[in-house]
Amino acid sequence: MPVSKSVIEGAGSVSFTLNRSSGAVAQTVYVSTTTTRSANVADYTGLNSVPLAFSVGQTSKTVTINIANDANFEPDETFALIVRQDPGDPANVYLAKSTFTILNDDTAILGQDTVLQASSQARPCPCPGPNLVASMRMT
């Protein structure tokens, strides 16, 4: 499972593959999403202790999380996916964890003359806050 991954909001979903080293025995693990820095749970379909059953001989499983494509200009949002051995374990006790960032793809119109658009391809900005690409629009 990757340590971190990014997905454009309009992509519709993000998937990850959970691998185990041996398929000698059947095993069930539980996957959950957890909110981290600035994530809005309305922007993805969360998972709460969803069982993921490996049968004998099976070494990988894929889990897909649906991403809501909205028209709201907002900062990029990060959430985490955790894999637990027992669904009753607290969120800080897990077998594996990966973070996912939903990259905003919406445009904020600030006025008739200026448009700001979030961009995951923007050059790093030395200023605090999300990187923005500014462009002027003539009217």
N, C-alpha and C. Protein backbone atom coordinates (compact mmCIF):
# COMPACT_ATOMS: atom_id res chain seq x y z
N MET A 1 0.86 -1.15 0.00
CA MET A 1 0.00 0.00 0.00
C MET A 1 0.92 1.23 0.00
N PRO A 2 0.64 2.21 -0.85
CA PRO A 2 1.51 3.38 -0.90
C PRO A 2 1.42 4.19 0.39
N VAL A 3 2.50 4.89 0.72
CA VAL A 3 2.49 5.73 1.90
C VAL A 3 1.58 6.92 1.69
N SER A 4 1.61 7.50 0.49
CA SER A 4 0.70 8.59 0.17
C SER A 4 0.42 8.60 -1.32
N LYS A 5 -0.72 9.18 -1.66
CA LYS A 5 -1.17 9.19 -3.04
C LYS A 5 -2.06 10.42 -3.23
N SER A 6 -2.09 10.95 -4.44
CA SER A 6 -2.94 12.10 -4.74
C SER A 6 -3.89 11.74 -5.87
N VAL A 7 -5.05 12.38 -5.88
CA VAL A 7 -6.04 12.16 -6.93
C VAL A 7 -6.73 13.49 -7.21
N ILE A 8 -6.95 13.77 -8.48
CA ILE A 8 -7.69 14.96 -8.88
C ILE A 8 -9.16 14.72 -8.50
N GLU A 9 -9.79 15.72 -7.94
CA GLU A 9 -11.17 15.61 -7.47
C GLU A 9 -12.10 15.04 -8.55
N GLY A 10 -11.92 15.46 -9.79
CA GLY A 10 -12.79 15.01 -10.87
C GLY A 10 -12.55 13.58 -11.32
N ALA A 11 -11.55 12.90 -10.77
CA ALA A 11 -11.24 11.52 -11.17
C ALA A 11 -12.34 10.55 -10.78
N GLY A 12 -13.11 10.89 -9.75
CA GLY A 12 -14.23 10.04 -9.35
C GLY A 12 -13.92 8.99 -8.31
N SER A 13 -12.67 8.52 -8.24
CA SER A 13 -12.32 7.51 -7.25
C SER A 13 -10.80 7.42 -7.11
N VAL A 14 -10.38 6.79 -6.04
CA VAL A 14 -8.97 6.48 -5.83
C VAL A 14 -8.92 5.04 -5.31
N SER A 15 -7.97 4.27 -5.82
CA SER A 15 -7.84 2.87 -5.42
C SER A 15 -6.48 2.61 -4.80
N PHE A 16 -6.42 1.66 -3.92
CA PHE A 16 -5.15 1.21 -3.38
C PHE A 16 -5.19 -0.30 -3.30
N THR A 17 -4.02 -0.90 -3.38
CA THR A 17 -3.89 -2.35 -3.31
C THR A 17 -3.19 -2.72 -2.02
N LEU A 18 -3.80 -3.62 -1.30
CA LEU A 18 -3.23 -4.14 -0.06
C LEU A 18 -2.63 -5.50 -0.37
N ASN A 19 -1.33 -5.64 -0.09
CA ASN A 19 -0.63 -6.91 -0.35
C ASN A 19 -0.23 -7.54 0.97
N ARG A 20 -0.31 -8.85 1.01
CA ARG A 20 0.21 -9.56 2.18
C ARG A 20 1.29 -10.52 1.71
N SER A 21 2.23 -10.82 2.56
CA SER A 21 3.40 -11.58 2.15
C SER A 21 3.12 -13.05 1.90
N SER A 22 2.11 -13.59 2.55
CA SER A 22 1.82 -15.01 2.39
C SER A 22 0.32 -15.23 2.27
N GLY A 23 -0.06 -16.16 1.43
CA GLY A 23 -1.46 -16.53 1.31
C GLY A 23 -1.75 -17.89 1.91
N ALA A 24 -0.93 -18.29 2.88
CA ALA A 24 -1.04 -19.63 3.45
C ALA A 24 -2.34 -19.86 4.21
N VAL A 25 -2.89 -18.80 4.82
CA VAL A 25 -4.12 -18.95 5.59
C VAL A 25 -5.12 -17.87 5.17
N ALA A 26 -6.38 -18.16 5.40
CA ALA A 26 -7.41 -17.14 5.19
C ALA A 26 -7.27 -16.08 6.28
N GLN A 27 -7.58 -14.84 5.91
CA GLN A 27 -7.43 -13.75 6.87
C GLN A 27 -8.42 -12.64 6.52
N THR A 28 -9.00 -12.04 7.54
CA THR A 28 -9.86 -10.88 7.34
C THR A 28 -9.24 -9.70 8.07
N VAL A 29 -9.13 -8.58 7.35
CA VAL A 29 -8.68 -7.32 7.94
C VAL A 29 -9.81 -6.31 7.74
N TYR A 30 -9.69 -5.17 8.38
CA TYR A 30 -10.77 -4.18 8.35
C TYR A 30 -10.19 -2.83 7.91
N VAL A 31 -10.82 -2.22 6.91
CA VAL A 31 -10.34 -0.94 6.39
C VAL A 31 -11.30 0.18 6.77
N SER A 32 -10.70 1.31 7.12
CA SER A 32 -11.46 2.50 7.50
C SER A 32 -10.75 3.73 6.95
N THR A 33 -11.53 4.75 6.67
CA THR A 33 -10.95 6.05 6.35
C THR A 33 -11.00 6.90 7.60
N THR A 34 -10.03 7.76 7.75
CA THR A 34 -10.01 8.69 8.86
C THR A 34 -9.71 10.09 8.31
N THR A 35 -10.33 11.06 8.89
CA THR A 35 -10.12 12.43 8.47
C THR A 35 -8.81 12.93 9.03
N THR A 36 -8.02 13.56 8.19
CA THR A 36 -6.78 14.17 8.66
C THR A 36 -6.87 15.66 8.38
N ARG A 37 -5.81 16.26 8.02
CA ARG A 37 -5.71 17.70 7.79
C ARG A 37 -6.75 18.19 6.79
N SER A 38 -7.67 18.99 7.20
CA SER A 38 -8.62 19.75 6.39
C SER A 38 -9.56 18.93 5.50
N ALA A 39 -9.71 17.66 5.74
CA ALA A 39 -10.59 16.86 4.88
C ALA A 39 -12.06 17.09 5.24
N ASN A 40 -12.87 17.16 4.23
CA ASN A 40 -14.31 17.30 4.38
C ASN A 40 -14.90 15.94 4.03
N VAL A 41 -15.54 15.28 4.98
CA VAL A 41 -16.04 13.93 4.73
C VAL A 41 -17.10 13.89 3.64
N ALA A 42 -17.64 15.03 3.24
CA ALA A 42 -18.60 15.06 2.13
C ALA A 42 -17.89 14.93 0.79
N ASP A 43 -16.57 15.01 0.76
CA ASP A 43 -15.82 14.95 -0.49
C ASP A 43 -15.40 13.54 -0.90
N TYR A 44 -15.67 12.56 -0.06
CA TYR A 44 -15.39 11.17 -0.40
C TYR A 44 -16.33 10.27 0.39
N THR A 45 -16.50 9.06 -0.09
CA THR A 45 -17.33 8.09 0.61
C THR A 45 -16.45 7.34 1.60
N GLY A 46 -16.66 7.62 2.87
CA GLY A 46 -15.82 7.02 3.90
C GLY A 46 -16.11 5.55 4.12
N LEU A 47 -15.15 4.87 4.69
CA LEU A 47 -15.27 3.46 5.05
C LEU A 47 -15.11 3.35 6.55
N ASN A 48 -15.89 2.48 7.17
CA ASN A 48 -15.80 2.30 8.61
C ASN A 48 -15.75 0.81 8.94
N SER A 49 -14.54 0.32 9.18
CA SER A 49 -14.31 -1.09 9.54
C SER A 49 -14.95 -2.05 8.54
N VAL A 50 -14.73 -1.80 7.26
CA VAL A 50 -15.24 -2.67 6.21
C VAL A 50 -14.35 -3.92 6.15
N PRO A 51 -14.95 -5.11 6.28
CA PRO A 51 -14.13 -6.33 6.24
C PRO A 51 -13.57 -6.58 4.84
N LEU A 52 -12.32 -6.98 4.80
CA LEU A 52 -11.64 -7.32 3.56
C LEU A 52 -11.09 -8.73 3.76
N ALA A 53 -11.74 -9.71 3.13
CA ALA A 53 -11.40 -11.11 3.38
C ALA A 53 -10.46 -11.66 2.31
N PHE A 54 -9.32 -12.16 2.76
CA PHE A 54 -8.37 -12.85 1.90
C PHE A 54 -8.63 -14.35 2.04
N SER A 55 -8.79 -15.03 0.94
CA SER A 55 -8.93 -16.48 0.99
C SER A 55 -7.54 -17.11 0.91
N VAL A 56 -7.45 -18.40 1.18
CA VAL A 56 -6.17 -19.11 1.10
C VAL A 56 -5.62 -18.94 -0.32
N GLY A 57 -4.36 -18.58 -0.42
CA GLY A 57 -3.71 -18.39 -1.71
C GLY A 57 -3.81 -16.97 -2.26
N GLN A 58 -4.66 -16.16 -1.69
CA GLN A 58 -4.85 -14.79 -2.16
C GLN A 58 -3.89 -13.86 -1.41
N THR A 59 -3.12 -13.07 -2.17
CA THR A 59 -2.12 -12.20 -1.54
C THR A 59 -2.38 -10.71 -1.75
N SER A 60 -3.38 -10.35 -2.56
CA SER A 60 -3.66 -8.92 -2.72
C SER A 60 -5.15 -8.67 -2.90
N LYS A 61 -5.55 -7.49 -2.46
CA LYS A 61 -6.94 -7.01 -2.59
C LYS A 61 -6.89 -5.54 -2.93
N THR A 62 -7.86 -5.08 -3.69
CA THR A 62 -7.96 -3.66 -4.05
C THR A 62 -9.20 -3.06 -3.41
N VAL A 63 -9.03 -1.87 -2.84
CA VAL A 63 -10.13 -1.13 -2.26
C VAL A 63 -10.24 0.19 -3.01
N THR A 64 -11.47 0.55 -3.38
CA THR A 64 -11.71 1.80 -4.10
C THR A 64 -12.55 2.73 -3.23
N ILE A 65 -12.13 3.98 -3.18
CA ILE A 65 -12.86 5.01 -2.43
C ILE A 65 -13.40 6.01 -3.44
N ASN A 66 -14.71 6.24 -3.39
CA ASN A 66 -15.33 7.18 -4.32
C ASN A 66 -15.09 8.62 -3.86
N ILE A 67 -14.73 9.46 -4.83
CA ILE A 67 -14.47 10.87 -4.59
C ILE A 67 -15.63 11.67 -5.17
N ALA A 68 -16.17 12.59 -4.38
CA ALA A 68 -17.27 13.44 -4.85
C ALA A 68 -16.70 14.58 -5.67
N ASN A 69 -17.20 14.76 -6.87
CA ASN A 69 -16.77 15.86 -7.72
C ASN A 69 -17.76 17.00 -7.55
N ASP A 70 -17.35 18.03 -6.82
CA ASP A 70 -18.24 19.17 -6.61
C ASP A 70 -17.69 20.39 -7.35
N ALA A 71 -18.40 21.47 -7.29
CA ALA A 71 -17.97 22.71 -7.95
C ALA A 71 -17.46 23.72 -6.94
N ASN A 72 -17.14 23.27 -5.74
CA ASN A 72 -16.69 24.16 -4.68
C ASN A 72 -15.19 24.36 -4.74
N PHE A 73 -14.76 25.60 -4.81
CA PHE A 73 -13.34 25.90 -4.73
C PHE A 73 -12.95 25.75 -3.27
N GLU A 74 -11.98 24.90 -3.00
CA GLU A 74 -11.56 24.61 -1.64
C GLU A 74 -10.11 24.15 -1.65
N PRO A 75 -9.46 24.16 -0.52
CA PRO A 75 -8.08 23.69 -0.50
C PRO A 75 -8.02 22.19 -0.78
N ASP A 76 -6.85 21.71 -1.19
CA ASP A 76 -6.65 20.27 -1.31
C ASP A 76 -6.94 19.66 0.05
N GLU A 77 -7.47 18.44 0.04
CA GLU A 77 -7.89 17.81 1.30
C GLU A 77 -7.23 16.44 1.43
N THR A 78 -6.81 16.14 2.64
CA THR A 78 -6.10 14.89 2.89
C THR A 78 -6.88 14.03 3.87
N PHE A 79 -6.99 12.74 3.55
CA PHE A 79 -7.57 11.80 4.48
C PHE A 79 -6.68 10.56 4.51
N ALA A 80 -6.93 9.67 5.44
CA ALA A 80 -6.10 8.48 5.57
C ALA A 80 -6.96 7.23 5.47
N LEU A 81 -6.32 6.18 5.04
CA LEU A 81 -6.95 4.87 5.02
C LEU A 81 -6.11 3.98 5.92
N ILE A 82 -6.75 3.33 6.86
CA ILE A 82 -6.03 2.44 7.77
C ILE A 82 -6.56 1.02 7.63
N VAL A 83 -5.68 0.07 7.88
CA VAL A 83 -6.02 -1.35 7.85
C VAL A 83 -5.76 -1.88 9.25
N ARG A 84 -6.81 -2.44 9.85
CA ARG A 84 -6.70 -2.96 11.22
C ARG A 84 -6.96 -4.46 11.25
N GLN A 85 -6.38 -5.10 12.23
CA GLN A 85 -6.60 -6.53 12.41
C GLN A 85 -7.95 -6.80 13.06
N ASP A 86 -8.38 -5.89 13.93
CA ASP A 86 -9.63 -6.06 14.65
C ASP A 86 -10.44 -4.76 14.49
N PRO A 87 -11.73 -4.87 14.14
CA PRO A 87 -12.50 -3.64 13.94
C PRO A 87 -12.69 -2.82 15.20
N GLY A 88 -12.46 -3.42 16.35
CA GLY A 88 -12.60 -2.70 17.61
C GLY A 88 -11.35 -1.95 18.03
N ASP A 89 -10.25 -2.16 17.31
CA ASP A 89 -9.02 -1.44 17.64
C ASP A 89 -9.20 0.06 17.42
N PRO A 90 -8.57 0.89 18.24
CA PRO A 90 -8.65 2.34 18.01
C PRO A 90 -7.95 2.71 16.71
N ALA A 91 -8.27 3.88 16.19
CA ALA A 91 -7.74 4.32 14.90
C ALA A 91 -6.22 4.45 14.89
N ASN A 92 -5.59 4.62 16.05
CA ASN A 92 -4.14 4.74 16.07
C ASN A 92 -3.42 3.40 16.20
N VAL A 93 -4.16 2.29 16.17
CA VAL A 93 -3.59 0.94 16.18
C VAL A 93 -3.96 0.30 14.85
N TYR A 94 -2.97 0.13 13.97
CA TYR A 94 -3.26 -0.38 12.64
C TYR A 94 -2.10 -1.20 12.09
N LEU A 95 -2.41 -2.02 11.08
CA LEU A 95 -1.39 -2.81 10.39
C LEU A 95 -0.71 -1.99 9.30
N ALA A 96 -1.47 -1.13 8.65
CA ALA A 96 -0.95 -0.30 7.57
C ALA A 96 -1.77 0.98 7.49
N LYS A 97 -1.12 2.04 6.99
CA LYS A 97 -1.79 3.34 6.85
C LYS A 97 -1.27 4.02 5.59
N SER A 98 -2.17 4.67 4.89
CA SER A 98 -1.80 5.44 3.72
C SER A 98 -2.62 6.72 3.71
N THR A 99 -2.02 7.83 3.28
CA THR A 99 -2.77 9.07 3.18
C THR A 99 -3.07 9.36 1.71
N PHE A 100 -4.19 10.00 1.49
CA PHE A 100 -4.64 10.34 0.15
C PHE A 100 -5.02 11.81 0.13
N THR A 101 -4.56 12.53 -0.87
CA THR A 101 -4.90 13.94 -1.00
C THR A 101 -5.80 14.12 -2.20
N ILE A 102 -6.94 14.75 -1.98
CA ILE A 102 -7.86 15.10 -3.06
C ILE A 102 -7.45 16.49 -3.54
N LEU A 103 -6.98 16.56 -4.78
CA LEU A 103 -6.52 17.83 -5.35
C LEU A 103 -7.71 18.56 -5.96
N ASN A 104 -7.97 19.74 -5.47
CA ASN A 104 -9.09 20.53 -5.96
C ASN A 104 -8.90 20.85 -7.44
N ASP A 105 -9.96 20.76 -8.22
CA ASP A 105 -9.88 21.09 -9.64
C ASP A 105 -10.92 22.14 -10.03
N ASP A 106 -11.42 22.87 -9.03
CA ASP A 106 -12.45 23.88 -9.27
C ASP A 106 -11.84 25.28 -9.32
N THR A 107 -12.53 26.19 -9.95
CA THR A 107 -12.07 27.56 -10.09
C THR A 107 -12.88 28.47 -9.19
N ALA A 108 -12.18 29.38 -8.53
CA ALA A 108 -12.85 30.39 -7.71
C ALA A 108 -12.83 31.70 -8.47
N ILE A 109 -13.98 32.27 -8.67
CA ILE A 109 -14.07 33.56 -9.34
C ILE A 109 -14.18 34.61 -8.26
N LEU A 110 -13.14 35.45 -8.16
CA LEU A 110 -13.08 36.45 -7.11
C LEU A 110 -13.70 37.78 -7.53
N GLY A 111 -13.85 37.97 -8.79
CA GLY A 111 -14.41 39.22 -9.30
C GLY A 111 -14.42 39.15 -10.82
N GLN A 112 -14.83 40.19 -11.47
CA GLN A 112 -14.91 40.16 -12.92
C GLN A 112 -13.55 40.12 -13.57
N ASP A 113 -12.51 40.58 -12.90
CA ASP A 113 -11.22 40.71 -13.55
C ASP A 113 -10.19 39.66 -13.15
N THR A 114 -10.44 38.88 -12.10
CA THR A 114 -9.43 37.96 -11.62
C THR A 114 -10.02 36.57 -11.43
N VAL A 115 -9.27 35.57 -11.85
CA VAL A 115 -9.65 34.18 -11.63
C VAL A 115 -8.47 33.49 -10.98
N LEU A 116 -8.71 32.76 -9.90
CA LEU A 116 -7.68 31.94 -9.29
C LEU A 116 -8.09 30.49 -9.45
N GLN A 117 -7.13 29.66 -9.81
CA GLN A 117 -7.43 28.25 -9.99
C GLN A 117 -6.38 27.43 -9.25
N ALA A 118 -6.85 26.48 -8.46
CA ALA A 118 -5.91 25.60 -7.76
C ALA A 118 -5.24 24.71 -8.78
N SER A 119 -3.98 24.43 -8.55
CA SER A 119 -3.25 23.60 -9.50
C SER A 119 -2.26 22.73 -8.76
N SER A 120 -2.31 21.44 -9.02
CA SER A 120 -1.35 20.53 -8.43
C SER A 120 -0.01 20.62 -9.16
N GLN A 121 0.01 21.31 -10.29
CA GLN A 121 1.23 21.42 -11.08
C GLN A 121 1.89 22.79 -10.90
N ALA A 122 1.40 23.58 -9.98
CA ALA A 122 1.98 24.91 -9.74
C ALA A 122 3.37 24.75 -9.13
N ARG A 123 4.24 25.71 -9.42
CA ARG A 123 5.55 25.70 -8.80
C ARG A 123 5.38 26.00 -7.32
N PRO A 124 6.22 25.44 -6.47
CA PRO A 124 6.11 25.69 -5.03
C PRO A 124 6.18 27.19 -4.73
N CYS A 125 5.34 27.60 -3.86
CA CYS A 125 5.29 29.01 -3.45
C CYS A 125 5.97 29.13 -2.10
N PRO A 126 6.84 30.12 -1.89
CA PRO A 126 7.48 30.26 -0.59
C PRO A 126 6.54 30.81 0.48
N CYS A 127 5.32 31.14 0.09
CA CYS A 127 4.36 31.69 1.04
C CYS A 127 3.53 30.57 1.66
N PRO A 128 2.94 30.80 2.84
CA PRO A 128 2.10 29.78 3.46
C PRO A 128 0.79 29.61 2.70
N GLY A 129 0.18 28.43 2.83
CA GLY A 129 -1.12 28.19 2.21
C GLY A 129 -0.98 27.42 0.91
N PRO A 130 -2.11 27.12 0.26
CA PRO A 130 -2.07 26.33 -0.97
C PRO A 130 -1.43 27.11 -2.12
N ASN A 131 -0.80 26.39 -3.02
CA ASN A 131 -0.23 27.02 -4.20
C ASN A 131 -1.34 27.39 -5.16
N LEU A 132 -1.31 28.60 -5.69
CA LEU A 132 -2.33 29.06 -6.61
C LEU A 132 -1.68 29.57 -7.88
N VAL A 133 -2.34 29.35 -8.98
CA VAL A 133 -1.92 29.92 -10.24
C VAL A 133 -2.89 31.04 -10.55
N ALA A 134 -2.40 32.24 -10.69
CA ALA A 134 -3.26 33.40 -10.93
C ALA A 134 -3.24 33.74 -12.41
N SER A 135 -4.39 34.07 -12.94
CA SER A 135 -4.46 34.53 -14.31
C SER A 135 -5.47 35.66 -14.39
N MET A 136 -5.27 36.55 -15.34
CA MET A 136 -6.17 37.68 -15.51
C MET A 136 -7.14 37.38 -16.64
N ARG A 137 -8.36 37.83 -16.46
CA ARG A 137 -9.37 37.64 -17.50
C ARG A 137 -9.88 39.01 -17.89
N MET A 138 -9.81 39.32 -19.16
CA MET A 138 -10.29 40.61 -19.66
C MET A 138 -11.78 40.53 -19.92
N THR A 139 -12.53 41.55 -19.54
CA THR A 139 -13.96 41.56 -19.80
C THR A 139 -14.33 42.78 -20.60
